[in-house]
């Protein structure tokens, strides 16, 4: 469990980085601003 507590924040940070930098997700963000179905 302790090792998991060490691994999960790292993986969560990786997901957050992907969320901020991935072109596809950025495209979804654009759709979000337009209030689209995506």
ModelCIF file with pLDDT and N, C-alpha, C, O atoms, coordinates in Angstrom:
data_MODEL
#
_entry.id   MODEL 
#
_entity.id                         1 
_entity.type                       polymer 
_entity.pdbx_number_of_molecules   1 
#
_entity_poly.entity_id                      1 
_entity_poly.type                           'polypeptide(L)' 
_entity_poly.nstd_linkage                   no 
_entity_poly.nstd_monomer                   no 
_entity_poly.pdbx_seq_one_letter_code       
;(UNK)(UNK)(UNK)(UNK)(UNK)(UNK)(UNK)(UNK)(UNK)(UNK)(UNK)(UNK)(UNK)(UNK)(UNK)(UNK)
(UNK)(UNK)(UNK)(UNK)(UNK)(UNK)(UNK)(UNK)(UNK)(UNK)(UNK)(UNK)(UNK)(UNK)(UNK)(UNK)
(UNK)(UNK)(UNK)(UNK)(UNK)(UNK)
;
_entity_poly.pdbx_seq_one_letter_code_can   XXXXXXXXXXXXXXXXXXXXXXXXXXXXXXXXXXXXXX 
_entity_poly.pdbx_strand_id                 A 
#
loop_
_entity_poly_seq.entity_id 
_entity_poly_seq.num 
_entity_poly_seq.mon_id 
_entity_poly_seq.hetero 
1 1  UNK n 
1 2  UNK n 
1 3  UNK n 
1 4  UNK n 
1 5  UNK n 
1 6  UNK n 
1 7  UNK n 
1 8  UNK n 
1 9  UNK n 
1 10 UNK n 
1 11 UNK n 
1 12 UNK n 
1 13 UNK n 
1 14 UNK n 
1 15 UNK n 
1 16 UNK n 
1 17 UNK n 
1 18 UNK n 
1 19 UNK n 
1 20 UNK n 
1 21 UNK n 
1 22 UNK n 
1 23 UNK n 
1 24 UNK n 
1 25 UNK n 
1 26 UNK n 
1 27 UNK n 
1 28 UNK n 
1 29 UNK n 
1 30 UNK n 
1 31 UNK n 
1 32 UNK n 
1 33 UNK n 
1 34 UNK n 
1 35 UNK n 
1 36 UNK n 
1 37 UNK n 
1 38 UNK n 
#
_struct_asym.id          A 
_struct_asym.entity_id   1 
#
loop_
_ma_qa_metric.id 
_ma_qa_metric.mode 
_ma_qa_metric.name 
_ma_qa_metric.software_group_id 
_ma_qa_metric.type 
1 global pLDDT . pLDDT 
2 local  pLDDT . pLDDT 
#
_ma_qa_metric_global.metric_id      1 
_ma_qa_metric_global.metric_value   46.71 
_ma_qa_metric_global.model_id       1 
_ma_qa_metric_global.ordinal_id     1 
#
loop_
_ma_qa_metric_local.label_asym_id 
_ma_qa_metric_local.label_comp_id 
_ma_qa_metric_local.label_seq_id 
_ma_qa_metric_local.metric_id 
_ma_qa_metric_local.metric_value 
_ma_qa_metric_local.model_id 
_ma_qa_metric_local.ordinal_id 
A UNK 1  2 41.00 1 1  
A UNK 2  2 40.00 1 2  
A UNK 3  2 41.00 1 3  
A UNK 4  2 42.00 1 4  
A UNK 5  2 45.00 1 5  
A UNK 6  2 47.00 1 6  
A UNK 7  2 43.00 1 7  
A UNK 8  2 46.00 1 8  
A UNK 9  2 51.00 1 9  
A UNK 10 2 50.00 1 10 
A UNK 11 2 48.00 1 11 
A UNK 12 2 52.00 1 12 
A UNK 13 2 53.00 1 13 
A UNK 14 2 53.00 1 14 
A UNK 15 2 47.00 1 15 
A UNK 16 2 48.00 1 16 
A UNK 17 2 51.00 1 17 
A UNK 18 2 48.00 1 18 
A UNK 19 2 49.00 1 19 
A UNK 20 2 53.00 1 20 
A UNK 21 2 55.00 1 21 
A UNK 22 2 52.00 1 22 
A UNK 23 2 51.00 1 23 
A UNK 24 2 46.00 1 24 
A UNK 25 2 46.00 1 25 
A UNK 26 2 51.00 1 26 
A UNK 27 2 45.00 1 27 
A UNK 28 2 43.00 1 28 
A UNK 29 2 46.00 1 29 
A UNK 30 2 45.00 1 30 
A UNK 31 2 42.00 1 31 
A UNK 32 2 45.00 1 32 
A UNK 33 2 44.00 1 33 
A UNK 34 2 44.00 1 34 
A UNK 35 2 46.00 1 35 
A UNK 36 2 46.00 1 36 
A UNK 37 2 39.00 1 37 
A UNK 38 2 41.00 1 38 
#
loop_
_atom_site.group_PDB 
_atom_site.id 
_atom_site.type_symbol 
_atom_site.label_atom_id 
_atom_site.label_alt_id 
_atom_site.label_comp_id 
_atom_site.label_asym_id 
_atom_site.label_entity_id 
_atom_site.label_seq_id 
_atom_site.pdbx_PDB_ins_code 
_atom_site.Cartn_x 
_atom_site.Cartn_y 
_atom_site.Cartn_z 
_atom_site.occupancy 
_atom_site.B_iso_or_equiv 
_atom_site.pdbx_formal_charge 
_atom_site.auth_seq_id 
_atom_site.auth_comp_id 
_atom_site.auth_asym_id 
_atom_site.auth_atom_id 
_atom_site.pdbx_PDB_model_num 
ATOM 1   N N  . UNK A 1 1  ? 0.821   -1.188 0.000   1.00 41.00 ? 1  UNK A N  1 
ATOM 2   C CA . UNK A 1 1  ? 0.000   0.000  0.000   1.00 41.00 ? 1  UNK A CA 1 
ATOM 3   C C  . UNK A 1 1  ? 0.868   1.256  0.000   1.00 41.00 ? 1  UNK A C  1 
ATOM 4   O O  . UNK A 1 1  ? 0.567   2.235  -0.684  1.00 41.00 ? 1  UNK A O  1 
ATOM 5   N N  . UNK A 1 2  ? 1.961   1.211  0.787   1.00 40.00 ? 2  UNK A N  1 
ATOM 6   C CA . UNK A 1 2  ? 2.846   2.377  0.849   1.00 40.00 ? 2  UNK A CA 1 
ATOM 7   C C  . UNK A 1 2  ? 3.470   2.641  -0.525  1.00 40.00 ? 2  UNK A C  1 
ATOM 8   O O  . UNK A 1 2  ? 3.552   3.788  -0.964  1.00 40.00 ? 2  UNK A O  1 
ATOM 9   N N  . UNK A 1 3  ? 3.910   1.569  -1.201  1.00 41.00 ? 3  UNK A N  1 
ATOM 10  C CA . UNK A 1 3  ? 4.484   1.751  -2.526  1.00 41.00 ? 3  UNK A CA 1 
ATOM 11  C C  . UNK A 1 3  ? 3.445   2.295  -3.492  1.00 41.00 ? 3  UNK A C  1 
ATOM 12  O O  . UNK A 1 3  ? 3.755   3.107  -4.364  1.00 41.00 ? 3  UNK A O  1 
ATOM 13  N N  . UNK A 1 4  ? 2.190   1.833  -3.326  1.00 42.00 ? 4  UNK A N  1 
ATOM 14  C CA . UNK A 1 4  ? 1.128   2.356  -4.182  1.00 42.00 ? 4  UNK A CA 1 
ATOM 15  C C  . UNK A 1 4  ? 0.963   3.853  -3.981  1.00 42.00 ? 4  UNK A C  1 
ATOM 16  O O  . UNK A 1 4  ? 0.778   4.599  -4.942  1.00 42.00 ? 4  UNK A O  1 
ATOM 17  N N  . UNK A 1 5  ? 1.032   4.303  -2.697  1.00 45.00 ? 5  UNK A N  1 
ATOM 18  C CA . UNK A 1 5  ? 0.905   5.731  -2.424  1.00 45.00 ? 5  UNK A CA 1 
ATOM 19  C C  . UNK A 1 5  ? 2.019   6.521  -3.101  1.00 45.00 ? 5  UNK A C  1 
ATOM 20  O O  . UNK A 1 5  ? 1.854   7.693  -3.440  1.00 45.00 ? 5  UNK A O  1 
ATOM 21  N N  . UNK A 1 6  ? 3.172   5.847  -3.292  1.00 47.00 ? 6  UNK A N  1 
ATOM 22  C CA . UNK A 1 6  ? 4.273   6.512  -3.981  1.00 47.00 ? 6  UNK A CA 1 
ATOM 23  C C  . UNK A 1 6  ? 4.058   6.518  -5.498  1.00 47.00 ? 6  UNK A C  1 
ATOM 24  O O  . UNK A 1 6  ? 4.404   7.490  -6.169  1.00 47.00 ? 6  UNK A O  1 
ATOM 25  N N  . UNK A 1 7  ? 3.496   5.447  -6.032  1.00 43.00 ? 7  UNK A N  1 
ATOM 26  C CA . UNK A 1 7  ? 3.345   5.313  -7.489  1.00 43.00 ? 7  UNK A CA 1 
ATOM 27  C C  . UNK A 1 7  ? 2.170   6.112  -8.017  1.00 43.00 ? 7  UNK A C  1 
ATOM 28  O O  . UNK A 1 7  ? 2.272   6.745  -9.068  1.00 43.00 ? 7  UNK A O  1 
ATOM 29  N N  . UNK A 1 8  ? 1.026   6.089  -7.284  1.00 46.00 ? 8  UNK A N  1 
ATOM 30  C CA . UNK A 1 8  ? -0.183  6.694  -7.822  1.00 46.00 ? 8  UNK A CA 1 
ATOM 31  C C  . UNK A 1 8  ? -0.036  8.195  -8.066  1.00 46.00 ? 8  UNK A C  1 
ATOM 32  O O  . UNK A 1 8  ? -0.473  8.666  -9.116  1.00 46.00 ? 8  UNK A O  1 
ATOM 33  N N  . UNK A 1 9  ? 0.574   9.000  -7.123  1.00 51.00 ? 9  UNK A N  1 
ATOM 34  C CA . UNK A 1 9  ? 0.735   10.430 -7.434  1.00 51.00 ? 9  UNK A CA 1 
ATOM 35  C C  . UNK A 1 9  ? 1.551   10.660 -8.709  1.00 51.00 ? 9  UNK A C  1 
ATOM 36  O O  . UNK A 1 9  ? 1.263   11.579 -9.475  1.00 51.00 ? 9  UNK A O  1 
ATOM 37  N N  . UNK A 1 10 ? 2.570   9.821  -8.934  1.00 50.00 ? 10 UNK A N  1 
ATOM 38  C CA . UNK A 1 10 ? 3.387   9.979  -10.144 1.00 50.00 ? 10 UNK A CA 1 
ATOM 39  C C  . UNK A 1 10 ? 2.539   9.739  -11.381 1.00 50.00 ? 10 UNK A C  1 
ATOM 40  O O  . UNK A 1 10 ? 2.585   10.509 -12.340 1.00 50.00 ? 10 UNK A O  1 
ATOM 41  N N  . UNK A 1 11 ? 1.757   8.651  -11.349 1.00 48.00 ? 11 UNK A N  1 
ATOM 42  C CA . UNK A 1 11 ? 0.932   8.343  -12.514 1.00 48.00 ? 11 UNK A CA 1 
ATOM 43  C C  . UNK A 1 11 ? -0.156  9.391  -12.701 1.00 48.00 ? 11 UNK A C  1 
ATOM 44  O O  . UNK A 1 11 ? -0.500  9.736  -13.832 1.00 48.00 ? 11 UNK A O  1 
ATOM 45  N N  . UNK A 1 12 ? -0.710  9.908  -11.576 1.00 52.00 ? 12 UNK A N  1 
ATOM 46  C CA . UNK A 1 12 ? -1.729  10.953 -11.674 1.00 52.00 ? 12 UNK A CA 1 
ATOM 47  C C  . UNK A 1 12 ? -1.150  12.213 -12.294 1.00 52.00 ? 12 UNK A C  1 
ATOM 48  O O  . UNK A 1 12 ? -1.806  12.879 -13.094 1.00 52.00 ? 12 UNK A O  1 
ATOM 49  N N  . UNK A 1 13 ? 0.107   12.543 -11.914 1.00 53.00 ? 13 UNK A N  1 
ATOM 50  C CA . UNK A 1 13 ? 0.766   13.712 -12.503 1.00 53.00 ? 13 UNK A CA 1 
ATOM 51  C C  . UNK A 1 13 ? 0.952   13.510 -14.004 1.00 53.00 ? 13 UNK A C  1 
ATOM 52  O O  . UNK A 1 13 ? 0.797   14.440 -14.795 1.00 53.00 ? 13 UNK A O  1 
ATOM 53  N N  . UNK A 1 14 ? 1.291   12.268 -14.382 1.00 53.00 ? 14 UNK A N  1 
ATOM 54  C CA . UNK A 1 14 ? 1.435   11.959 -15.806 1.00 53.00 ? 14 UNK A CA 1 
ATOM 55  C C  . UNK A 1 14 ? 0.122   12.180 -16.551 1.00 53.00 ? 14 UNK A C  1 
ATOM 56  O O  . UNK A 1 14 ? 0.111   12.740 -17.647 1.00 53.00 ? 14 UNK A O  1 
ATOM 57  N N  . UNK A 1 15 ? -0.989  11.737 -15.951 1.00 47.00 ? 15 UNK A N  1 
ATOM 58  C CA . UNK A 1 15 ? -2.299  11.936 -16.582 1.00 47.00 ? 15 UNK A CA 1 
ATOM 59  C C  . UNK A 1 15 ? -2.609  13.424 -16.724 1.00 47.00 ? 15 UNK A C  1 
ATOM 60  O O  . UNK A 1 15 ? -3.138  13.861 -17.746 1.00 47.00 ? 15 UNK A O  1 
ATOM 61  N N  . UNK A 1 16 ? -2.276  14.200 -15.688 1.00 48.00 ? 16 UNK A N  1 
ATOM 62  C CA . UNK A 1 16 ? -2.529  15.636 -15.750 1.00 48.00 ? 16 UNK A CA 1 
ATOM 63  C C  . UNK A 1 16 ? -1.714  16.299 -16.850 1.00 48.00 ? 16 UNK A C  1 
ATOM 64  O O  . UNK A 1 16 ? -2.199  17.185 -17.553 1.00 48.00 ? 16 UNK A O  1 
ATOM 65  N N  . UNK A 1 17 ? -0.443  15.847 -16.991 1.00 51.00 ? 17 UNK A N  1 
ATOM 66  C CA . UNK A 1 17 ? 0.406   16.397 -18.055 1.00 51.00 ? 17 UNK A CA 1 
ATOM 67  C C  . UNK A 1 17 ? -0.177  16.083 -19.424 1.00 51.00 ? 17 UNK A C  1 
ATOM 68  O O  . UNK A 1 17 ? -0.212  16.925 -20.321 1.00 51.00 ? 17 UNK A O  1 
ATOM 69  N N  . UNK A 1 18 ? -0.641  14.821 -19.555 1.00 48.00 ? 18 UNK A N  1 
ATOM 70  C CA . UNK A 1 18 ? -1.275  14.443 -20.826 1.00 48.00 ? 18 UNK A CA 1 
ATOM 71  C C  . UNK A 1 18 ? -2.506  15.299 -21.099 1.00 48.00 ? 18 UNK A C  1 
ATOM 72  O O  . UNK A 1 18 ? -2.746  15.743 -22.221 1.00 48.00 ? 18 UNK A O  1 
ATOM 73  N N  . UNK A 1 19 ? -3.270  15.513 -20.045 1.00 49.00 ? 19 UNK A N  1 
ATOM 74  C CA . UNK A 1 19 ? -4.501  16.304 -20.178 1.00 49.00 ? 19 UNK A CA 1 
ATOM 75  C C  . UNK A 1 19 ? -4.207  17.709 -20.682 1.00 49.00 ? 19 UNK A C  1 
ATOM 76  O O  . UNK A 1 19 ? -4.966  18.270 -21.471 1.00 49.00 ? 19 UNK A O  1 
ATOM 77  N N  . UNK A 1 20 ? -3.062  18.285 -20.202 1.00 53.00 ? 20 UNK A N  1 
ATOM 78  C CA . UNK A 1 20 ? -2.751  19.677 -20.557 1.00 53.00 ? 20 UNK A CA 1 
ATOM 79  C C  . UNK A 1 20 ? -2.075  19.812 -21.920 1.00 53.00 ? 20 UNK A C  1 
ATOM 80  O O  . UNK A 1 20 ? -2.192  20.851 -22.569 1.00 53.00 ? 20 UNK A O  1 
ATOM 81  N N  . UNK A 1 21 ? -1.364  18.761 -22.358 1.00 55.00 ? 21 UNK A N  1 
ATOM 82  C CA . UNK A 1 21 ? -0.525  18.918 -23.549 1.00 55.00 ? 21 UNK A CA 1 
ATOM 83  C C  . UNK A 1 21 ? -1.008  18.126 -24.765 1.00 55.00 ? 21 UNK A C  1 
ATOM 84  O O  . UNK A 1 21 ? -0.632  18.457 -25.889 1.00 55.00 ? 21 UNK A O  1 
ATOM 85  N N  . UNK A 1 22 ? -1.818  17.105 -24.577 1.00 52.00 ? 22 UNK A N  1 
ATOM 86  C CA . UNK A 1 22 ? -2.229  16.253 -25.693 1.00 52.00 ? 22 UNK A CA 1 
ATOM 87  C C  . UNK A 1 22 ? -3.061  17.056 -26.702 1.00 52.00 ? 22 UNK A C  1 
ATOM 88  O O  . UNK A 1 22 ? -4.039  17.697 -26.316 1.00 52.00 ? 22 UNK A O  1 
ATOM 89  N N  . UNK A 1 23 ? -2.682  17.030 -28.005 1.00 51.00 ? 23 UNK A N  1 
ATOM 90  C CA . UNK A 1 23 ? -3.423  17.792 -29.034 1.00 51.00 ? 23 UNK A CA 1 
ATOM 91  C C  . UNK A 1 23 ? -4.889  17.386 -29.104 1.00 51.00 ? 23 UNK A C  1 
ATOM 92  O O  . UNK A 1 23 ? -5.767  18.229 -29.292 1.00 51.00 ? 23 UNK A O  1 
ATOM 93  N N  . UNK A 1 24 ? -5.148  16.097 -28.952 1.00 46.00 ? 24 UNK A N  1 
ATOM 94  C CA . UNK A 1 24 ? -6.538  15.640 -29.067 1.00 46.00 ? 24 UNK A CA 1 
ATOM 95  C C  . UNK A 1 24 ? -7.362  16.223 -27.933 1.00 46.00 ? 24 UNK A C  1 
ATOM 96  O O  . UNK A 1 24 ? -8.479  16.701 -28.131 1.00 46.00 ? 24 UNK A O  1 
ATOM 97  N N  . UNK A 1 25 ? -6.778  16.170 -26.727 1.00 46.00 ? 25 UNK A N  1 
ATOM 98  C CA . UNK A 1 25 ? -7.512  16.708 -25.575 1.00 46.00 ? 25 UNK A CA 1 
ATOM 99  C C  . UNK A 1 25 ? -7.669  18.205 -25.702 1.00 46.00 ? 25 UNK A C  1 
ATOM 100 O O  . UNK A 1 25 ? -8.702  18.762 -25.331 1.00 46.00 ? 25 UNK A O  1 
ATOM 101 N N  . UNK A 1 26 ? -6.619  18.876 -26.239 1.00 51.00 ? 26 UNK A N  1 
ATOM 102 C CA . UNK A 1 26 ? -6.743  20.318 -26.460 1.00 51.00 ? 26 UNK A CA 1 
ATOM 103 C C  . UNK A 1 26 ? -7.871  20.630 -27.436 1.00 51.00 ? 26 UNK A C  1 
ATOM 104 O O  . UNK A 1 26 ? -8.579  21.630 -27.315 1.00 51.00 ? 26 UNK A O  1 
ATOM 105 N N  . UNK A 1 27 ? -8.009  19.723 -28.419 1.00 45.00 ? 27 UNK A N  1 
ATOM 106 C CA . UNK A 1 27 ? -9.107  19.904 -29.370 1.00 45.00 ? 27 UNK A CA 1 
ATOM 107 C C  . UNK A 1 27 ? -10.445 19.768 -28.655 1.00 45.00 ? 27 UNK A C  1 
ATOM 108 O O  . UNK A 1 27 ? -11.388 20.514 -28.920 1.00 45.00 ? 27 UNK A O  1 
ATOM 109 N N  . UNK A 1 28 ? -10.508 18.780 -27.724 1.00 43.00 ? 28 UNK A N  1 
ATOM 110 C CA . UNK A 1 28 ? -11.737 18.616 -26.947 1.00 43.00 ? 28 UNK A CA 1 
ATOM 111 C C  . UNK A 1 28 ? -12.005 19.851 -26.107 1.00 43.00 ? 28 UNK A C  1 
ATOM 112 O O  . UNK A 1 28 ? -13.155 20.249 -25.918 1.00 43.00 ? 28 UNK A O  1 
ATOM 113 N N  . UNK A 1 29 ? -10.911 20.467 -25.594 1.00 46.00 ? 29 UNK A N  1 
ATOM 114 C CA . UNK A 1 29 ? -11.077 21.690 -24.816 1.00 46.00 ? 29 UNK A CA 1 
ATOM 115 C C  . UNK A 1 29 ? -11.690 22.793 -25.670 1.00 46.00 ? 29 UNK A C  1 
ATOM 116 O O  . UNK A 1 29 ? -12.519 23.585 -25.223 1.00 46.00 ? 29 UNK A O  1 
ATOM 117 N N  . UNK A 1 30 ? -11.237 22.801 -26.931 1.00 45.00 ? 30 UNK A N  1 
ATOM 118 C CA . UNK A 1 30 ? -11.801 23.802 -27.838 1.00 45.00 ? 30 UNK A CA 1 
ATOM 119 C C  . UNK A 1 30 ? -13.288 23.558 -28.042 1.00 45.00 ? 30 UNK A C  1 
ATOM 120 O O  . UNK A 1 30 ? -14.093 24.489 -28.007 1.00 45.00 ? 30 UNK A O  1 
ATOM 121 N N  . UNK A 1 31 ? -13.638 22.309 -28.253 1.00 42.00 ? 31 UNK A N  1 
ATOM 122 C CA . UNK A 1 31 ? -15.061 21.975 -28.377 1.00 42.00 ? 31 UNK A CA 1 
ATOM 123 C C  . UNK A 1 31 ? -15.817 22.363 -27.115 1.00 42.00 ? 31 UNK A C  1 
ATOM 124 O O  . UNK A 1 31 ? -16.963 22.809 -27.166 1.00 42.00 ? 31 UNK A O  1 
ATOM 125 N N  . UNK A 1 32 ? -15.149 22.185 -25.987 1.00 45.00 ? 32 UNK A N  1 
ATOM 126 C CA . UNK A 1 32 ? -15.803 22.506 -24.714 1.00 45.00 ? 32 UNK A CA 1 
ATOM 127 C C  . UNK A 1 32 ? -16.137 23.990 -24.642 1.00 45.00 ? 32 UNK A C  1 
ATOM 128 O O  . UNK A 1 32 ? -17.209 24.380 -24.179 1.00 45.00 ? 32 UNK A O  1 
ATOM 129 N N  . UNK A 1 33 ? -15.177 24.829 -25.119 1.00 44.00 ? 33 UNK A N  1 
ATOM 130 C CA . UNK A 1 33 ? -15.429 26.262 -25.091 1.00 44.00 ? 33 UNK A CA 1 
ATOM 131 C C  . UNK A 1 33 ? -16.605 26.621 -25.990 1.00 44.00 ? 33 UNK A C  1 
ATOM 132 O O  . UNK A 1 33 ? -17.352 27.562 -25.721 1.00 44.00 ? 33 UNK A O  1 
ATOM 133 N N  . UNK A 1 34 ? -16.753 25.838 -27.077 1.00 44.00 ? 34 UNK A N  1 
ATOM 134 C CA . UNK A 1 34 ? -17.845 26.108 -28.009 1.00 44.00 ? 34 UNK A CA 1 
ATOM 135 C C  . UNK A 1 34 ? -19.154 25.499 -27.529 1.00 44.00 ? 34 UNK A C  1 
ATOM 136 O O  . UNK A 1 34 ? -20.194 25.680 -28.164 1.00 44.00 ? 34 UNK A O  1 
ATOM 137 N N  . UNK A 1 35 ? -19.109 24.760 -26.387 1.00 46.00 ? 35 UNK A N  1 
ATOM 138 C CA . UNK A 1 35 ? -20.319 24.147 -25.868 1.00 46.00 ? 35 UNK A CA 1 
ATOM 139 C C  . UNK A 1 35 ? -20.791 22.998 -26.709 1.00 46.00 ? 35 UNK A C  1 
ATOM 140 O O  . UNK A 1 35 ? -21.990 22.724 -26.758 1.00 46.00 ? 35 UNK A O  1 
ATOM 141 N N  . UNK A 1 36 ? -19.873 22.305 -27.382 1.00 46.00 ? 36 UNK A N  1 
ATOM 142 C CA . UNK A 1 36 ? -20.246 21.203 -28.263 1.00 46.00 ? 36 UNK A CA 1 
ATOM 143 C C  . UNK A 1 36 ? -20.559 19.958 -27.481 1.00 46.00 ? 36 UNK A C  1 
ATOM 144 O O  . UNK A 1 36 ? -20.390 19.903 -26.263 1.00 46.00 ? 36 UNK A O  1 
ATOM 145 N N  . UNK A 1 37 ? -21.022 18.950 -28.207 1.00 39.00 ? 37 UNK A N  1 
ATOM 146 C CA . UNK A 1 37 ? -21.407 17.669 -27.617 1.00 39.00 ? 37 UNK A CA 1 
ATOM 147 C C  . UNK A 1 37 ? -20.205 16.938 -26.998 1.00 39.00 ? 37 UNK A C  1 
ATOM 148 O O  . UNK A 1 37 ? -20.385 16.154 -26.066 1.00 39.00 ? 37 UNK A O  1 
ATOM 149 N N  . UNK A 1 38 ? -18.955 17.186 -27.509 1.00 41.00 ? 38 UNK A N  1 
ATOM 150 C CA . UNK A 1 38 ? -17.764 16.483 -27.024 1.00 41.00 ? 38 UNK A CA 1 
ATOM 151 C C  . UNK A 1 38 ? -17.455 16.844 -25.567 1.00 41.00 ? 38 UNK A C  1 
ATOM 152 O O  . UNK A 1 38 ? -16.486 16.342 -24.998 1.00 41.00 ? 38 UNK A O  1 
#
